[in-house]
Amino acid sequence: MANTKSALKRAQTAERNRLRNKAYKSAVKTLMKKYLNAVETYTANPTSEAEQEVQVWLSEAYSKIDKAVKRGVLHPNNGARKKSRLANKLKPVTQTAK
């Protein structure tokens, strides 16, 4: 337990920030999973609607990753790596479809 008033306040601040960071990380993971599921669906049945859904999820995932980086939840290189991996999942599918 914290002994001083300032240490107690720092502990409260750290807990508040930890919960906020956890929410951002969880949202990023969720959007990445939804995007990957959409890519799988598009791979199995390449239709224009499925492609549009993939693009929507990609956009939302990119947006959330960028916000997490901006807020300091993710390191910039970590965010760039996640975005790159998302793009690379779609790349072979679109090349074979065209």
N, C-alpha and C. Protein backbone atom coordinates (compact mmCIF):
# COMPACT_ATOMS: atom_id res chain seq x y z
N MET A 1 0.84 -1.18 0.00
CA MET A 1 0.00 0.00 0.00
C MET A 1 0.89 1.24 0.00
N ALA A 2 0.42 2.28 -0.66
CA ALA A 2 1.18 3.52 -0.74
C ALA A 2 1.25 4.19 0.63
N ASN A 3 2.42 4.75 0.95
CA ASN A 3 2.64 5.37 2.25
C ASN A 3 2.37 6.87 2.24
N THR A 4 2.61 7.53 1.13
CA THR A 4 2.43 8.98 1.08
C THR A 4 1.23 9.33 0.21
N LYS A 5 0.80 10.56 0.38
CA LYS A 5 -0.36 11.04 -0.38
C LYS A 5 -0.05 11.06 -1.88
N SER A 6 1.16 11.47 -2.23
CA SER A 6 1.53 11.54 -3.65
C SER A 6 1.66 10.13 -4.25
N ALA A 7 2.17 9.18 -3.46
CA ALA A 7 2.29 7.80 -3.94
C ALA A 7 0.91 7.18 -4.15
N LEU A 8 -0.02 7.51 -3.27
CA LEU A 8 -1.39 7.02 -3.42
C LEU A 8 -2.02 7.57 -4.70
N LYS A 9 -1.79 8.87 -4.92
CA LYS A 9 -2.35 9.49 -6.12
C LYS A 9 -1.73 8.89 -7.38
N ARG A 10 -0.42 8.63 -7.36
CA ARG A 10 0.23 8.02 -8.52
C ARG A 10 -0.33 6.62 -8.79
N ALA A 11 -0.61 5.88 -7.71
CA ALA A 11 -1.17 4.54 -7.86
C ALA A 11 -2.55 4.60 -8.50
N GLN A 12 -3.35 5.58 -8.08
CA GLN A 12 -4.69 5.75 -8.67
C GLN A 12 -4.60 6.13 -10.14
N THR A 13 -3.68 7.03 -10.45
CA THR A 13 -3.48 7.46 -11.84
C THR A 13 -3.02 6.30 -12.70
N ALA A 14 -2.10 5.51 -12.19
CA ALA A 14 -1.58 4.37 -12.94
C ALA A 14 -2.70 3.36 -13.21
N GLU A 15 -3.55 3.13 -12.24
CA GLU A 15 -4.66 2.19 -12.43
C GLU A 15 -5.65 2.70 -13.47
N ARG A 16 -5.96 3.99 -13.40
CA ARG A 16 -6.87 4.60 -14.38
C ARG A 16 -6.29 4.46 -15.80
N ASN A 17 -5.01 4.76 -15.94
CA ASN A 17 -4.36 4.66 -17.25
C ASN A 17 -4.29 3.21 -17.74
N ARG A 18 -4.05 2.28 -16.81
CA ARG A 18 -3.97 0.87 -17.17
C ARG A 18 -5.31 0.39 -17.75
N LEU A 19 -6.40 0.80 -17.13
CA LEU A 19 -7.72 0.39 -17.62
C LEU A 19 -8.02 1.02 -18.98
N ARG A 20 -7.62 2.27 -19.16
CA ARG A 20 -7.84 2.93 -20.46
C ARG A 20 -7.01 2.24 -21.54
N ASN A 21 -5.76 1.94 -21.24
CA ASN A 21 -4.89 1.26 -22.21
C ASN A 21 -5.43 -0.11 -22.55
N LYS A 22 -5.95 -0.82 -21.53
CA LYS A 22 -6.51 -2.15 -21.74
C LYS A 22 -7.70 -2.08 -22.71
N ALA A 23 -8.53 -1.06 -22.56
CA ALA A 23 -9.69 -0.90 -23.44
C ALA A 23 -9.24 -0.67 -24.88
N TYR A 24 -8.23 0.17 -25.07
CA TYR A 24 -7.73 0.43 -26.43
C TYR A 24 -7.16 -0.85 -27.05
N LYS A 25 -6.33 -1.56 -26.28
CA LYS A 25 -5.70 -2.78 -26.81
C LYS A 25 -6.75 -3.83 -27.15
N SER A 26 -7.74 -3.94 -26.31
CA SER A 26 -8.81 -4.90 -26.55
C SER A 26 -9.59 -4.55 -27.81
N ALA A 27 -9.88 -3.27 -28.00
CA ALA A 27 -10.61 -2.83 -29.19
C ALA A 27 -9.79 -3.09 -30.45
N VAL A 28 -8.49 -2.85 -30.38
CA VAL A 28 -7.62 -3.11 -31.54
C VAL A 28 -7.65 -4.59 -31.89
N LYS A 29 -7.52 -5.46 -30.88
CA LYS A 29 -7.54 -6.91 -31.12
C LYS A 29 -8.87 -7.35 -31.72
N THR A 30 -9.98 -6.81 -31.20
CA THR A 30 -11.30 -7.17 -31.69
C THR A 30 -11.47 -6.78 -33.15
N LEU A 31 -11.06 -5.57 -33.50
CA LEU A 31 -11.20 -5.12 -34.88
C LEU A 31 -10.29 -5.91 -35.81
N MET A 32 -9.11 -6.29 -35.34
CA MET A 32 -8.22 -7.10 -36.16
C MET A 32 -8.85 -8.47 -36.44
N LYS A 33 -9.47 -9.07 -35.42
CA LYS A 33 -10.11 -10.36 -35.60
C LYS A 33 -11.28 -10.26 -36.58
N LYS A 34 -12.08 -9.20 -36.45
CA LYS A 34 -13.21 -9.02 -37.36
C LYS A 34 -12.73 -8.84 -38.79
N TYR A 35 -11.64 -8.12 -38.96
CA TYR A 35 -11.06 -7.93 -40.29
C TYR A 35 -10.57 -9.26 -40.86
N LEU A 36 -9.86 -10.04 -40.03
CA LEU A 36 -9.33 -11.32 -40.49
C LEU A 36 -10.45 -12.30 -40.85
N ASN A 37 -11.55 -12.27 -40.10
CA ASN A 37 -12.70 -13.09 -40.45
C ASN A 37 -13.32 -12.65 -41.76
N ALA A 38 -13.38 -11.34 -41.98
CA ALA A 38 -13.92 -10.82 -43.24
C ALA A 38 -13.04 -11.22 -44.41
N VAL A 39 -11.72 -11.22 -44.22
CA VAL A 39 -10.79 -11.64 -45.28
C VAL A 39 -11.00 -13.12 -45.60
N GLU A 40 -11.19 -13.94 -44.55
CA GLU A 40 -11.45 -15.36 -44.77
C GLU A 40 -12.73 -15.56 -45.59
N THR A 41 -13.77 -14.84 -45.24
CA THR A 41 -15.03 -14.92 -45.96
C THR A 41 -14.85 -14.49 -47.41
N TYR A 42 -14.11 -13.43 -47.61
CA TYR A 42 -13.85 -12.92 -48.95
C TYR A 42 -13.02 -13.92 -49.76
N THR A 43 -12.07 -14.59 -49.10
CA THR A 43 -11.24 -15.59 -49.78
C THR A 43 -12.10 -16.76 -50.25
N ALA A 44 -13.03 -17.19 -49.40
CA ALA A 44 -13.89 -18.32 -49.75
C ALA A 44 -14.87 -17.96 -50.86
N ASN A 45 -15.38 -16.74 -50.84
CA ASN A 45 -16.39 -16.32 -51.82
C ASN A 45 -16.14 -14.87 -52.21
N PRO A 46 -15.26 -14.63 -53.19
CA PRO A 46 -14.92 -13.24 -53.54
C PRO A 46 -16.04 -12.51 -54.29
N THR A 47 -16.84 -11.78 -53.53
CA THR A 47 -17.88 -10.94 -54.11
C THR A 47 -17.57 -9.48 -53.80
N SER A 48 -18.24 -8.60 -54.50
CA SER A 48 -17.99 -7.17 -54.28
C SER A 48 -18.45 -6.74 -52.89
N GLU A 49 -19.54 -7.34 -52.39
CA GLU A 49 -20.02 -7.00 -51.04
C GLU A 49 -19.01 -7.44 -49.99
N ALA A 50 -18.46 -8.63 -50.17
CA ALA A 50 -17.46 -9.12 -49.22
C ALA A 50 -16.21 -8.24 -49.25
N GLU A 51 -15.83 -7.82 -50.44
CA GLU A 51 -14.65 -6.95 -50.56
C GLU A 51 -14.89 -5.61 -49.87
N GLN A 52 -16.11 -5.11 -50.03
CA GLN A 52 -16.45 -3.84 -49.40
C GLN A 52 -16.41 -3.98 -47.87
N GLU A 53 -16.90 -5.10 -47.36
CA GLU A 53 -16.88 -5.35 -45.92
C GLU A 53 -15.44 -5.43 -45.41
N VAL A 54 -14.58 -6.08 -46.19
CA VAL A 54 -13.16 -6.17 -45.83
C VAL A 54 -12.55 -4.77 -45.73
N GLN A 55 -12.85 -3.93 -46.70
CA GLN A 55 -12.31 -2.57 -46.70
C GLN A 55 -12.82 -1.75 -45.51
N VAL A 56 -14.08 -1.96 -45.13
CA VAL A 56 -14.64 -1.23 -43.98
C VAL A 56 -13.91 -1.65 -42.70
N TRP A 57 -13.73 -2.97 -42.51
CA TRP A 57 -13.05 -3.44 -41.30
C TRP A 57 -11.59 -3.01 -41.29
N LEU A 58 -10.96 -3.01 -42.46
CA LEU A 58 -9.56 -2.56 -42.53
C LEU A 58 -9.45 -1.10 -42.12
N SER A 59 -10.36 -0.29 -42.61
CA SER A 59 -10.36 1.13 -42.28
C SER A 59 -10.56 1.35 -40.78
N GLU A 60 -11.51 0.62 -40.20
CA GLU A 60 -11.77 0.78 -38.77
C GLU A 60 -10.58 0.31 -37.93
N ALA A 61 -9.96 -0.79 -38.34
CA ALA A 61 -8.81 -1.30 -37.60
C ALA A 61 -7.64 -0.31 -37.69
N TYR A 62 -7.38 0.21 -38.89
CA TYR A 62 -6.33 1.21 -39.06
C TYR A 62 -6.59 2.43 -38.17
N SER A 63 -7.82 2.87 -38.15
CA SER A 63 -8.18 4.05 -37.37
C SER A 63 -7.92 3.82 -35.88
N LYS A 64 -8.35 2.66 -35.39
CA LYS A 64 -8.19 2.37 -33.96
C LYS A 64 -6.71 2.21 -33.60
N ILE A 65 -5.95 1.58 -34.49
CA ILE A 65 -4.51 1.43 -34.26
C ILE A 65 -3.83 2.79 -34.21
N ASP A 66 -4.19 3.66 -35.16
CA ASP A 66 -3.61 5.00 -35.19
C ASP A 66 -3.95 5.79 -33.92
N LYS A 67 -5.18 5.66 -33.45
CA LYS A 67 -5.58 6.37 -32.23
C LYS A 67 -4.81 5.84 -31.02
N ALA A 68 -4.62 4.53 -30.97
CA ALA A 68 -3.87 3.93 -29.85
C ALA A 68 -2.42 4.41 -29.86
N VAL A 69 -1.84 4.53 -31.05
CA VAL A 69 -0.47 5.04 -31.15
C VAL A 69 -0.42 6.50 -30.72
N LYS A 70 -1.41 7.27 -31.17
CA LYS A 70 -1.44 8.70 -30.84
C LYS A 70 -1.57 8.92 -29.33
N ARG A 71 -2.32 8.06 -28.66
CA ARG A 71 -2.52 8.19 -27.22
C ARG A 71 -1.38 7.58 -26.41
N GLY A 72 -0.45 6.89 -27.09
CA GLY A 72 0.68 6.31 -26.38
C GLY A 72 0.42 4.92 -25.84
N VAL A 73 -0.70 4.32 -26.23
CA VAL A 73 -1.02 2.97 -25.77
C VAL A 73 -0.12 1.96 -26.47
N LEU A 74 0.09 2.17 -27.77
CA LEU A 74 0.98 1.31 -28.56
C LEU A 74 2.19 2.12 -29.02
N HIS A 75 3.32 1.46 -29.11
CA HIS A 75 4.52 2.07 -29.66
C HIS A 75 4.30 2.27 -31.17
N PRO A 76 4.81 3.35 -31.75
CA PRO A 76 4.60 3.58 -33.19
C PRO A 76 5.03 2.40 -34.08
N ASN A 77 6.13 1.76 -33.75
CA ASN A 77 6.57 0.61 -34.55
C ASN A 77 5.60 -0.56 -34.41
N ASN A 78 5.05 -0.73 -33.22
CA ASN A 78 4.07 -1.80 -32.99
C ASN A 78 2.82 -1.54 -33.84
N GLY A 79 2.36 -0.29 -33.86
CA GLY A 79 1.20 0.06 -34.68
C GLY A 79 1.47 -0.16 -36.15
N ALA A 80 2.66 0.24 -36.61
CA ALA A 80 3.02 0.06 -38.02
C ALA A 80 3.09 -1.42 -38.37
N ARG A 81 3.61 -2.22 -37.47
CA ARG A 81 3.71 -3.66 -37.71
C ARG A 81 2.32 -4.29 -37.82
N LYS A 82 1.43 -3.90 -36.93
CA LYS A 82 0.06 -4.44 -36.96
C LYS A 82 -0.63 -4.07 -38.28
N LYS A 83 -0.49 -2.83 -38.70
CA LYS A 83 -1.11 -2.38 -39.95
C LYS A 83 -0.53 -3.12 -41.15
N SER A 84 0.77 -3.34 -41.12
CA SER A 84 1.44 -4.04 -42.21
C SER A 84 0.94 -5.48 -42.30
N ARG A 85 0.80 -6.12 -41.16
CA ARG A 85 0.34 -7.52 -41.15
C ARG A 85 -1.10 -7.61 -41.65
N LEU A 86 -1.92 -6.63 -41.31
CA LEU A 86 -3.30 -6.63 -41.81
C LEU A 86 -3.32 -6.50 -43.32
N ALA A 87 -2.52 -5.58 -43.84
CA ALA A 87 -2.47 -5.36 -45.29
C ALA A 87 -1.95 -6.60 -46.00
N ASN A 88 -0.97 -7.28 -45.43
CA ASN A 88 -0.38 -8.45 -46.06
C ASN A 88 -1.34 -9.64 -46.08
N LYS A 89 -2.32 -9.68 -45.20
CA LYS A 89 -3.31 -10.76 -45.22
C LYS A 89 -4.22 -10.63 -46.45
N LEU A 90 -4.47 -9.41 -46.87
CA LEU A 90 -5.37 -9.17 -48.00
C LEU A 90 -4.66 -9.23 -49.34
N LYS A 91 -3.37 -8.92 -49.33
CA LYS A 91 -2.60 -8.79 -50.57
C LYS A 91 -2.68 -10.03 -51.49
N PRO A 92 -2.39 -11.25 -51.01
CA PRO A 92 -2.45 -12.40 -51.92
C PRO A 92 -3.87 -12.69 -52.43
N VAL A 93 -4.87 -12.38 -51.65
CA VAL A 93 -6.25 -12.63 -52.05
C VAL A 93 -6.65 -11.72 -53.20
N THR A 94 -6.28 -10.44 -53.11
CA THR A 94 -6.66 -9.51 -54.17
C THR A 94 -5.87 -9.76 -55.44
N GLN A 95 -4.64 -10.25 -55.33
CA GLN A 95 -3.84 -10.52 -56.52
C GLN A 95 -4.40 -11.72 -57.29
N THR A 96 -4.89 -12.74 -56.59
CA THR A 96 -5.44 -13.90 -57.27
C THR A 96 -6.84 -13.63 -57.81
N ALA A 97 -7.56 -12.70 -57.17
CA ALA A 97 -8.92 -12.40 -57.62
C ALA A 97 -8.91 -11.60 -58.92
N LYS A 98 -7.87 -10.83 -59.16
CA LYS A 98 -7.84 -9.98 -60.36
C LYS A 98 -7.25 -10.67 -61.55
